[in-house]
Amino acid sequence: MLHLAVWSATAVAAWRCYRRTRKAGFLWLGAVLTLWPIVSIPADAAIHHVIQHAIEQQERPWGMTPGTLAMRFSYLKQLVGFVLVAVSLSVLARSFKTPGPSGVQLSEQARPKEGNIT
């Protein structure tokens, strides 16, 4: 139940940030953070099935024990999630590329207007 609340809050926060800024990176980030956990549930079930089959048949797929196989699948799932988040953050960072003097970003409101320099 808590997962559903966190996923919903993440989706709402990403949508609100997108609506306020119109930066597509927020949509990417929201999609990755809400959809990847949901998509990984069937992947977990498939991994469980493969490991259960290996235990029942006393087979060693790819020469690994069931524990090693479970650990490597878990690492692979975490790696894919990390890459997806990194790509979405990269897309979001590119949308904020408006450097001011000395590489500092300035919003439109913080920039001094001409003739109004003090």
Protein backbone atom coordinates (compact mmCIF):
# COMPACT_ATOMS: atom_id res chain seq x y z
CA MET A 1 0.00 0.00 0.00
CA LEU A 2 2.85 2.37 0.83
CA HIS A 3 4.42 1.67 -2.58
CA LEU A 4 1.23 2.76 -4.31
CA ALA A 5 1.18 6.00 -2.31
CA VAL A 6 4.84 6.74 -3.15
CA TRP A 7 4.35 5.94 -6.85
CA SER A 8 1.25 8.14 -6.97
CA ALA A 9 2.99 11.02 -5.19
CA THR A 10 5.95 10.73 -7.57
CA ALA A 11 3.69 10.79 -10.61
CA VAL A 12 1.75 13.79 -9.31
CA ALA A 13 4.93 15.69 -8.41
CA ALA A 14 6.50 15.03 -11.82
CA TRP A 15 3.29 16.07 -13.59
CA ARG A 16 3.03 19.29 -11.57
CA CYS A 17 6.67 20.15 -12.30
CA TYR A 18 6.08 19.48 -15.99
CA ARG A 19 2.94 21.64 -16.06
CA ARG A 20 4.77 24.48 -14.31
CA THR A 21 7.98 24.39 -16.39
CA ARG A 22 7.00 22.54 -19.60
CA LYS A 23 10.30 20.61 -19.39
CA ALA A 24 9.90 17.14 -20.92
CA GLY A 25 12.56 15.78 -18.59
CA PHE A 26 10.04 15.79 -15.74
CA LEU A 27 7.79 13.51 -17.79
CA TRP A 28 10.73 11.15 -18.41
CA LEU A 29 11.66 11.13 -14.74
CA GLY A 30 8.08 10.58 -13.62
CA ALA A 31 7.59 7.77 -16.11
CA VAL A 32 10.78 6.01 -15.08
CA LEU A 33 10.16 6.36 -11.36
CA THR A 34 6.55 5.18 -11.58
CA LEU A 35 6.57 2.70 -14.45
CA TRP A 36 9.85 0.84 -13.86
CA PRO A 37 8.77 -0.63 -10.50
CA ILE A 38 5.48 -1.73 -12.05
CA VAL A 39 7.18 -3.24 -15.11
CA SER A 40 9.73 -5.03 -12.95
CA ILE A 41 7.02 -7.00 -11.09
CA PRO A 42 6.47 -9.45 -14.00
CA ALA A 43 10.25 -9.62 -14.42
CA ASP A 44 10.55 -10.66 -10.76
CA ALA A 45 7.91 -13.34 -11.32
CA ALA A 46 9.80 -14.68 -14.35
CA ILE A 47 13.07 -14.72 -12.44
CA HIS A 48 11.38 -16.54 -9.56
CA HIS A 49 10.02 -19.11 -12.01
CA VAL A 50 13.47 -19.73 -13.55
CA ILE A 51 15.07 -20.11 -10.14
CA GLN A 52 12.29 -22.38 -8.86
CA HIS A 53 12.63 -24.54 -11.97
CA ALA A 54 16.39 -24.75 -11.45
CA ILE A 55 15.89 -25.86 -7.84
CA GLU A 56 13.24 -28.47 -8.68
CA GLN A 57 15.15 -29.93 -11.62
CA GLN A 58 18.50 -29.72 -9.83
CA GLU A 59 19.89 -27.91 -12.86
CA ARG A 60 22.52 -25.23 -12.92
CA PRO A 61 21.58 -22.74 -15.63
CA TRP A 62 24.68 -21.04 -16.96
CA GLY A 63 26.70 -23.00 -14.40
CA MET A 64 25.40 -20.96 -11.45
CA THR A 65 23.74 -21.95 -8.21
CA PRO A 66 20.18 -20.72 -7.69
CA GLY A 67 21.45 -18.19 -5.13
CA THR A 68 24.03 -16.79 -7.53
CA LEU A 69 21.45 -16.69 -10.30
CA ALA A 70 19.01 -14.76 -8.06
CA MET A 71 21.74 -12.33 -7.03
CA ARG A 72 22.82 -11.65 -10.62
CA PHE A 73 19.25 -11.13 -11.81
CA SER A 74 18.70 -8.73 -8.92
CA TYR A 75 21.86 -6.81 -9.84
CA LEU A 76 20.76 -6.68 -13.48
CA LYS A 77 17.33 -5.32 -12.49
CA GLN A 78 18.96 -2.66 -10.30
CA LEU A 79 21.38 -1.73 -13.10
CA VAL A 80 18.57 -1.29 -15.62
CA GLY A 81 16.65 0.88 -13.15
CA PHE A 82 19.75 2.98 -12.49
CA VAL A 83 20.42 3.47 -16.22
CA LEU A 84 16.81 4.52 -16.83
CA VAL A 85 16.93 7.07 -14.00
CA ALA A 86 20.33 8.36 -15.20
CA VAL A 87 19.01 8.81 -18.76
CA SER A 88 15.90 10.63 -17.54
CA LEU A 89 18.00 12.91 -15.32
CA SER A 90 20.26 13.59 -18.29
CA VAL A 91 17.25 14.59 -20.39
CA LEU A 92 16.06 16.82 -17.55
CA ALA A 93 19.49 18.42 -17.11
CA ARG A 94 19.73 19.22 -20.82
CA SER A 95 16.45 21.09 -20.66
CA PHE A 96 17.90 23.47 -18.05
CA LYS A 97 20.94 24.52 -20.11
CA THR A 98 20.69 28.33 -19.92
CA PRO A 99 23.97 29.33 -18.29
CA GLY A 100 24.44 32.87 -17.13
CA PRO A 101 27.77 34.60 -16.45
CA SER A 102 30.45 32.26 -15.10
CA GLY A 103 28.23 29.25 -15.72
CA VAL A 104 25.60 30.23 -13.14
CA GLN A 105 22.04 29.73 -14.28
CA LEU A 106 19.72 32.67 -13.91
CA SER A 107 15.98 32.59 -14.17
CA GLU A 108 14.19 35.23 -16.24
CA GLN A 109 13.09 37.07 -13.10
CA ALA A 110 16.62 37.18 -11.62
CA ARG A 111 18.25 38.62 -14.74
CA PRO A 112 18.78 42.39 -14.64
CA LYS A 113 16.87 44.34 -17.27
CA GLU A 114 18.60 46.82 -19.51
CA GLY A 115 18.76 50.32 -18.05
CA ASN A 116 17.95 48.90 -14.63
CA ILE A 117 21.51 48.02 -13.62
CA THR A 118 22.45 49.00 -10.09
